[in-house]
Amino acid sequence: MARYVVKLGSSIVAEDSGALRGDVLGRVCDQVAARHAAGDEVVVVTSGAIAHGMRVMALPMRPRAVDDLQAASAVGQGKLYRVYDEMLRERGLTSAQVLLTFFDMSARTHYLNARQTLRRLLEWNVVPVINENDTTTTDEISFGDNDFLAAQVAILIAADRLILLTDTDGLYSADPRVDPSAHLIGEVTDFEALGRVEIGHTTSPLGSGGMRSKVVAAEMATAAGIPAVICNGLRPGVLEAVLAGTAGEGTHFPAQPARYSSFKLWLRYAKPSHGTIVVDSGAARALREGGTSLLPVGIVDVRGGFEAGDAVHVTEGASMIGKGITNYSAPELRQVMGMQSTQVREVLPRATEEAVHRDYFVLV
């Protein structure tokens, strides 16, 4: 048995006019049904609620104001899910609508609850159809056209593969619309090498993502040991080939050998940072090379306002080192930064020795 997360971008779900691509959605549902018949599990992450809401309300272009985007999503979300539900039911499958927000991924308790719900739906042989809850989110692009959300869902349920469907054949060496020498990159094993590739932020008139957000989503998934594929969801047969493991379609991202724990992936990608702790060179070296905890003695500056339990960035000057959960508030750290542990206990008798414990820190 294999477990897949299939993500459909706005350009796959809807035409530029906002009209749903019924033929494309039908082919996706055909493949979901085929995988279920083979004993596999599939989670669908879909964009398109805003696009469909725009179509229903006859809006000429994608709104920019958050309240307009939220209203368009409210109009389109239920109608979009009904299409999925009917198509899957026609193929003998039961579906469930799941709406998630960035907060659901960034708050640890909500994160665990979402994981439990999704796992139970899969145990019941239900197809979860997931979208961001645009109606209540405060940042309409917080998930990058749901690419980030799809990666988080793949990690949540320990998927065997993440498939990101877009309207191009995959990741190119440059924008093929303007550079005739651009070629499709078949496989990416070194994300740092992609710094030499022109990865665009551009997207369809109805979407909010772009290729860069898909590459970041692939990096997130592969860091959890989940291979990812970016491929063309508009061409018939592509999704079927990728699900079957056939080579030659899209850009493949093999699982990275060094895997982070679920908690550290959540910390790195999902939990927002509320400030910055600047450390000296000795503490920086110990964090990078020794896997040690961060003590107040190694801290030279505290920036921003945060509470104990918040995530913070840790830097050496302007150089990013990592991200961790702080045991101190910003005012407390300003009181004790640069102090030895014995001095810290004199100022804050109940304080823990570590400003950031190594178990709650991840290199970035």
Protein backbone atom coordinates (compact mmCIF):
# COMPACT_ATOMS: atom_id res chain seq x y z
CA MET A 1 0.00 0.00 0.00
CA ALA A 2 1.22 3.51 -0.85
CA ARG A 3 -0.01 6.87 0.40
CA TYR A 4 -0.04 9.86 -1.94
CA VAL A 5 -0.73 13.58 -1.60
CA VAL A 6 -1.84 15.12 -4.90
CA LYS A 7 -1.98 18.91 -5.02
CA LEU A 8 -3.86 20.82 -7.72
CA GLY A 9 -2.98 24.47 -8.31
CA SER A 10 -5.51 27.08 -9.38
CA SER A 11 -4.40 26.79 -13.01
CA ILE A 12 -5.22 23.07 -12.91
CA VAL A 13 -8.59 23.49 -11.22
CA ALA A 14 -9.86 26.45 -13.23
CA GLU A 15 -9.36 28.24 -16.51
CA ASP A 16 -8.26 31.88 -16.54
CA SER A 17 -11.95 32.82 -16.60
CA GLY A 18 -12.54 30.95 -13.34
CA ALA A 19 -14.59 28.21 -15.01
CA LEU A 20 -13.72 24.81 -13.53
CA ARG A 21 -11.80 22.38 -15.72
CA GLY A 22 -14.26 19.51 -15.43
CA ASP A 23 -12.25 17.23 -17.73
CA VAL A 24 -9.06 17.71 -15.71
CA LEU A 25 -10.80 17.20 -12.38
CA GLY A 26 -12.47 14.11 -13.78
CA ARG A 27 -9.14 12.62 -14.81
CA VAL A 28 -7.71 13.30 -11.36
CA CYS A 29 -10.69 11.62 -9.72
CA ASP A 30 -10.28 8.67 -12.10
CA GLN A 31 -6.73 8.22 -10.83
CA VAL A 32 -7.78 8.59 -7.20
CA ALA A 33 -10.32 5.83 -7.76
CA ALA A 34 -7.78 3.65 -9.55
CA ARG A 35 -5.27 3.99 -6.71
CA HIS A 36 -7.98 3.18 -4.15
CA ALA A 37 -8.90 0.09 -6.13
CA ALA A 38 -5.23 -0.94 -5.97
CA GLY A 39 -5.27 -0.58 -2.18
CA ASP A 40 -3.52 2.80 -1.99
CA GLU A 41 -4.56 5.98 -0.18
CA VAL A 42 -4.81 9.43 -1.75
CA VAL A 43 -5.23 12.86 -0.18
CA VAL A 44 -6.22 15.69 -2.50
CA VAL A 45 -5.06 19.24 -1.74
CA THR A 46 -6.85 21.69 -3.98
CA SER A 47 -6.67 25.37 -4.76
CA GLY A 48 -9.33 27.14 -6.81
CA ALA A 49 -11.94 28.30 -4.28
CA ILE A 50 -11.13 31.97 -4.87
CA ALA A 51 -10.97 31.46 -8.63
CA HIS A 52 -14.37 29.74 -8.69
CA GLY A 53 -15.86 32.38 -6.41
CA MET A 54 -14.63 35.06 -8.81
CA ARG A 55 -16.38 33.24 -11.65
CA VAL A 56 -19.64 33.01 -9.73
CA MET A 57 -19.51 36.69 -8.78
CA ALA A 58 -18.32 37.77 -12.25
CA LEU A 59 -15.25 39.54 -10.86
CA PRO A 60 -12.98 40.71 -13.72
CA MET A 61 -9.65 39.99 -11.97
CA ARG A 62 -8.26 38.43 -8.82
CA PRO A 63 -8.88 40.81 -5.90
CA ARG A 64 -6.00 42.19 -3.84
CA ALA A 65 -7.78 43.14 -0.63
CA VAL A 66 -7.89 40.34 1.94
CA ASP A 67 -11.61 40.78 2.67
CA ASP A 68 -12.42 40.51 -1.05
CA LEU A 69 -10.33 37.35 -1.32
CA GLN A 70 -12.01 35.90 1.75
CA ALA A 71 -15.46 36.69 0.38
CA ALA A 72 -14.64 35.15 -3.01
CA SER A 73 -13.39 32.04 -1.24
CA ALA A 74 -16.56 31.83 0.82
CA VAL A 75 -18.62 31.89 -2.39
CA GLY A 76 -16.46 29.37 -4.21
CA GLN A 77 -15.32 26.87 -1.58
CA GLY A 78 -18.54 24.93 -1.04
CA LYS A 79 -19.34 24.83 -4.74
CA LEU A 80 -15.83 23.60 -5.57
CA TYR A 81 -15.94 20.86 -2.96
CA ARG A 82 -19.37 19.74 -4.20
CA VAL A 83 -17.83 19.07 -7.61
CA TYR A 84 -15.13 16.89 -6.05
CA ASP A 85 -17.65 15.13 -3.84
CA GLU A 86 -19.97 14.30 -6.73
CA MET A 87 -17.15 13.14 -9.00
CA LEU A 88 -15.64 10.91 -6.34
CA ARG A 89 -19.05 9.53 -5.33
CA GLU A 90 -19.72 8.62 -8.98
CA ARG A 91 -16.54 6.56 -8.78
CA GLY A 92 -17.63 4.78 -5.61
CA LEU A 93 -15.60 6.86 -3.14
CA THR A 94 -16.56 8.82 -0.04
CA SER A 95 -14.85 12.18 0.45
CA ALA A 96 -14.48 14.64 3.30
CA GLN A 97 -13.91 18.38 3.12
CA VAL A 98 -11.02 19.54 5.34
CA LEU A 99 -10.24 23.25 5.68
CA LEU A 100 -6.96 24.21 7.33
CA THR A 101 -5.27 27.52 8.15
CA PHE A 102 -1.68 28.51 8.76
CA PHE A 103 -2.55 28.59 12.48
CA ASP A 104 -3.53 24.92 12.33
CA MET A 105 -0.02 24.14 11.11
CA SER A 106 1.81 26.59 13.40
CA ALA A 107 0.09 25.71 16.71
CA ARG A 108 1.45 22.36 17.84
CA THR A 109 -1.80 21.12 19.42
CA HIS A 110 -3.81 21.97 16.30
CA TYR A 111 -1.11 20.35 14.17
CA LEU A 112 -1.41 17.09 16.06
CA ASN A 113 -5.21 17.23 15.98
CA ALA A 114 -5.15 17.73 12.20
CA ARG A 115 -2.84 14.73 11.83
CA GLN A 116 -5.13 12.54 13.93
CA THR A 117 -8.21 13.54 11.93
CA LEU A 118 -6.56 12.90 8.58
CA ARG A 119 -5.24 9.54 9.68
CA ARG A 120 -8.69 8.48 10.88
CA LEU A 121 -10.27 9.51 7.57
CA LEU A 122 -7.72 7.39 5.73
CA GLU A 123 -8.46 4.45 8.04
CA TRP A 124 -12.11 4.82 7.03
CA ASN A 125 -11.13 4.76 3.31
CA VAL A 126 -12.34 8.34 2.92
CA VAL A 127 -10.65 10.71 0.45
CA PRO A 128 -9.78 13.98 2.25
CA VAL A 129 -10.17 17.01 -0.03
CA ILE A 130 -8.15 19.75 1.62
CA ASN A 131 -8.01 23.47 1.01
CA GLU A 132 -6.81 26.45 2.96
CA ASN A 133 -9.61 28.14 4.87
CA ASP A 134 -9.24 31.43 2.99
CA THR A 135 -12.41 32.76 4.62
CA THR A 136 -10.69 33.13 8.01
CA THR A 137 -6.98 33.29 7.24
CA THR A 138 -5.29 36.63 7.80
CA ASP A 139 -2.74 36.17 5.00
CA GLU A 140 -4.23 35.01 1.72
CA ILE A 141 -0.92 33.70 0.38
CA SER A 142 0.39 32.14 3.58
CA PHE A 143 0.49 28.71 1.95
CA GLY A 144 1.75 29.84 -1.48
CA ASP A 145 -1.23 28.62 -3.50
CA ASN A 146 -1.38 25.60 -1.14
CA ASP A 147 2.07 24.26 -2.08
CA PHE A 148 3.28 24.74 1.49
CA LEU A 149 0.04 23.25 2.80
CA ALA A 150 0.42 20.18 0.58
CA ALA A 151 3.96 19.60 1.86
CA GLN A 152 2.80 19.95 5.45
CA VAL A 153 -0.04 17.49 4.83
CA ALA A 154 2.41 15.01 3.27
CA ILE A 155 4.57 15.26 6.39
CA LEU A 156 1.53 15.05 8.69
CA ILE A 157 0.37 11.74 7.27
CA ALA A 158 3.82 10.30 6.43
CA ALA A 159 3.00 10.12 2.73
CA ASP A 160 5.05 8.04 0.33
CA ARG A 161 5.03 10.72 -2.36
CA LEU A 162 3.99 14.34 -2.89
CA ILE A 163 2.77 15.22 -6.38
CA LEU A 164 2.41 18.90 -7.30
CA LEU A 165 0.30 19.38 -10.42
CA THR A 166 0.90 22.59 -12.35
CA ASP A 167 0.40 23.89 -15.89
CA THR A 168 4.00 23.32 -17.02
CA ASP A 169 5.96 20.10 -17.50
CA GLY A 170 8.10 20.76 -14.42
CA LEU A 171 11.02 22.93 -13.32
CA TYR A 172 12.99 24.52 -16.16
CA SER A 173 16.51 25.93 -16.19
CA ALA A 174 14.96 29.29 -17.12
CA ASP A 175 11.55 30.63 -18.08
CA PRO A 176 10.77 28.74 -21.31
CA ARG A 177 8.35 31.50 -22.35
CA VAL A 178 11.22 33.97 -22.76
CA ASP A 179 14.33 31.78 -23.07
CA PRO A 180 14.28 29.31 -25.99
CA SER A 181 17.33 27.51 -24.59
CA ALA A 182 15.54 26.62 -21.35
CA HIS A 183 15.38 22.88 -20.67
CA LEU A 184 13.38 20.72 -18.29
CA ILE A 185 15.28 19.62 -15.19
CA GLY A 186 14.47 15.94 -14.73
CA GLU A 187 15.80 15.50 -11.21
CA VAL A 188 16.93 17.72 -8.34
CA THR A 189 19.18 16.28 -5.66
CA ASP A 190 20.96 19.46 -4.57
CA PHE A 191 18.68 22.33 -3.58
CA GLU A 192 21.61 24.68 -3.06
CA ALA A 193 22.55 24.26 -6.72
CA LEU A 194 19.15 25.66 -7.66
CA GLY A 195 20.51 29.09 -6.74
CA ARG A 196 21.84 29.20 -10.29
CA VAL A 197 18.42 28.47 -11.76
CA GLU A 198 15.94 31.22 -12.54
CA ILE A 199 12.97 30.04 -10.51
CA GLY A 200 10.08 32.41 -10.96
CA HIS A 201 7.41 33.70 -8.64
CA THR A 202 5.01 34.26 -11.55
CA THR A 203 1.76 32.41 -11.57
CA SER A 204 -1.56 32.29 -13.38
CA PRO A 205 -4.00 35.22 -13.20
CA LEU A 206 -6.01 33.26 -10.63
CA GLY A 207 -3.26 31.72 -8.49
CA SER A 208 -0.98 32.97 -5.73
CA GLY A 209 1.89 30.52 -5.95
CA GLY A 210 4.52 30.04 -8.62
CA MET A 211 7.36 27.60 -9.26
CA ARG A 212 9.43 28.84 -6.33
CA SER A 213 6.79 27.87 -3.79
CA LYS A 214 6.60 24.41 -5.38
CA VAL A 215 10.35 23.94 -5.10
CA VAL A 216 10.23 24.97 -1.44
CA ALA A 217 7.37 22.51 -0.89
CA ALA A 218 9.45 19.77 -2.53
CA GLU A 219 12.42 20.63 -0.30
CA MET A 220 10.19 20.40 2.79
CA ALA A 221 8.83 17.01 1.79
CA THR A 222 12.18 15.51 0.83
CA ALA A 223 13.68 16.67 4.14
CA ALA A 224 11.09 14.41 5.77
CA GLY A 225 12.08 11.49 3.55
CA ILE A 226 9.17 11.98 1.14
CA PRO A 227 9.99 12.14 -2.59
CA ALA A 228 8.20 14.83 -4.58
CA VAL A 229 7.31 15.46 -8.22
CA ILE A 230 6.33 18.65 -10.03
CA CYS A 231 4.50 17.77 -13.23
CA ASN A 232 1.93 18.90 -15.77
CA GLY A 233 -1.60 18.21 -14.57
CA LEU A 234 -3.21 19.43 -17.79
CA ARG A 235 -1.78 16.75 -20.05
CA PRO A 236 -3.75 13.48 -20.05
CA GLY A 237 -1.81 10.50 -18.74
CA VAL A 238 0.81 12.43 -16.76
CA LEU A 239 -0.67 11.88 -13.29
CA GLU A 240 -1.29 8.22 -14.10
CA ALA A 241 2.34 7.79 -15.15
CA VAL A 242 3.71 9.52 -12.06
CA LEU A 243 1.49 7.53 -9.72
CA ALA A 244 2.67 4.36 -11.44
CA GLY A 245 6.29 5.37 -10.88
CA THR A 246 7.05 5.79 -14.57
CA ALA A 247 10.13 7.90 -15.28
CA GLY A 248 10.22 10.71 -17.82
CA GLU A 249 7.41 12.96 -16.60
CA GLY A 250 8.02 16.12 -14.60
CA THR A 251 10.81 17.09 -12.23
CA HIS A 252 11.59 14.54 -9.53
CA PHE A 253 12.97 15.34 -6.08
CA PRO A 254 14.29 12.18 -4.35
CA ALA A 255 14.02 11.91 -0.59
CA GLN A 256 17.00 13.44 1.18
CA PRO A 257 19.17 10.98 3.14
CA ALA A 258 19.41 13.25 6.22
CA ARG A 259 15.91 13.41 7.65
CA TYR A 260 14.51 15.76 10.21
CA SER A 261 12.00 14.66 12.82
CA SER A 262 8.36 15.64 12.38
CA PHE A 263 8.75 18.12 15.23
CA LYS A 264 11.80 19.82 13.72
CA LEU A 265 10.16 20.06 10.31
CA TRP A 266 7.16 21.69 11.95
CA LEU A 267 9.47 24.07 13.79
CA ARG A 268 11.50 24.90 10.69
CA TYR A 269 8.67 25.48 8.25
CA ALA A 270 5.40 25.92 10.10
CA LYS A 271 5.90 27.74 13.37
CA PRO A 272 6.34 31.50 12.79
CA SER A 273 9.28 33.32 14.33
CA HIS A 274 8.62 36.20 16.73
CA GLY A 275 12.11 37.60 17.12
CA THR A 276 15.85 37.09 16.78
CA ILE A 277 18.62 36.05 19.17
CA VAL A 278 22.10 37.12 18.06
CA VAL A 279 24.98 34.98 19.34
CA ASP A 280 28.76 35.26 19.42
CA SER A 281 31.12 33.22 17.26
CA GLY A 282 31.72 30.57 19.92
CA ALA A 283 28.04 29.88 20.43
CA ALA A 284 27.49 29.91 16.66
CA ARG A 285 30.20 27.30 16.15
CA ALA A 286 28.83 25.13 18.96
CA LEU A 287 25.31 25.24 17.48
CA ARG A 288 26.48 24.50 13.94
CA GLU A 289 29.04 21.82 14.72
CA GLY A 290 28.40 20.50 18.20
CA GLY A 291 24.63 20.16 18.33
CA THR A 292 24.62 21.87 21.73
CA SER A 293 21.99 23.95 23.49
CA LEU A 294 22.20 27.74 23.47
CA LEU A 295 23.08 29.28 26.84
CA PRO A 296 22.58 32.94 27.80
CA VAL A 297 26.35 33.44 28.01
CA GLY A 298 26.64 33.14 24.22
CA ILE A 299 23.97 35.76 23.45
CA VAL A 300 25.03 39.28 22.43
CA ASP A 301 21.72 40.83 21.32
CA VAL A 302 17.96 40.21 21.48
CA ARG A 303 15.70 41.67 18.82
CA GLY A 304 11.94 41.84 18.74
CA GLY A 305 9.33 40.96 21.32
CA PHE A 306 8.55 37.35 22.20
CA GLU A 307 7.43 35.17 25.06
CA ALA A 308 8.82 31.92 26.44
CA GLY A 309 7.65 29.13 24.14
CA ASP A 310 7.78 31.27 20.99
CA ALA A 311 9.95 30.41 18.01
CA VAL A 312 12.92 32.71 17.34
CA HIS A 313 15.62 32.93 14.73
CA VAL A 314 19.19 32.51 15.92
CA THR A 315 21.85 34.42 14.00
CA GLU A 316 25.52 35.31 14.13
CA GLY A 317 25.41 38.93 13.04
CA ALA A 318 23.41 38.88 9.81
CA SER A 319 24.13 35.19 9.16
CA MET A 320 21.25 32.82 9.88
CA ILE A 321 22.11 29.78 12.00
CA GLY A 322 18.78 28.23 12.87
CA LYS A 323 15.44 28.47 14.57
CA GLY A 324 14.36 27.32 18.00
CA ILE A 325 11.86 27.51 20.84
CA THR A 326 13.00 29.95 23.48
CA ASN A 327 12.73 29.22 27.20
CA TYR A 328 12.87 32.94 28.00
CA SER A 329 10.88 36.02 27.05
CA ALA A 330 12.68 38.82 25.23
CA PRO A 331 12.82 41.06 28.35
CA GLU A 332 14.23 38.16 30.41
CA LEU A 333 16.92 37.40 27.85
CA ARG A 334 17.94 41.05 27.73
CA GLN A 335 18.45 40.86 31.48
CA VAL A 336 20.69 37.79 31.41
CA MET A 337 22.39 37.75 27.99
CA GLY A 338 26.15 37.31 28.28
CA MET A 339 25.86 35.88 31.81
CA GLN A 340 27.20 32.58 33.10
CA SER A 341 24.61 30.11 34.43
CA THR A 342 25.39 30.93 38.09
CA GLN A 343 24.79 34.61 37.39
CA VAL A 344 21.54 33.86 35.55
CA ARG A 345 20.16 32.02 38.57
CA GLU A 346 20.86 35.04 40.75
CA VAL A 347 18.80 37.26 38.44
CA LEU A 348 16.13 34.71 37.48
CA PRO A 349 16.12 32.00 40.18
CA ARG A 350 13.57 29.79 38.40
CA ALA A 351 15.09 30.07 34.95
CA THR A 352 16.27 27.01 33.05
CA GLU A 353 19.93 26.78 32.11
CA GLU A 354 19.29 26.74 28.35
CA ALA A 355 17.94 29.73 26.47
CA VAL A 356 17.14 27.32 23.61
CA HIS A 357 17.45 23.58 24.22
CA ARG A 358 19.10 21.52 21.49
CA ASP A 359 16.01 19.30 21.20
CA TYR A 360 13.98 22.39 20.28
CA PHE A 361 16.44 23.85 17.78
CA VAL A 362 16.90 23.20 14.07
CA LEU A 363 19.64 24.43 11.76
CA VAL A 364 18.42 26.50 8.83
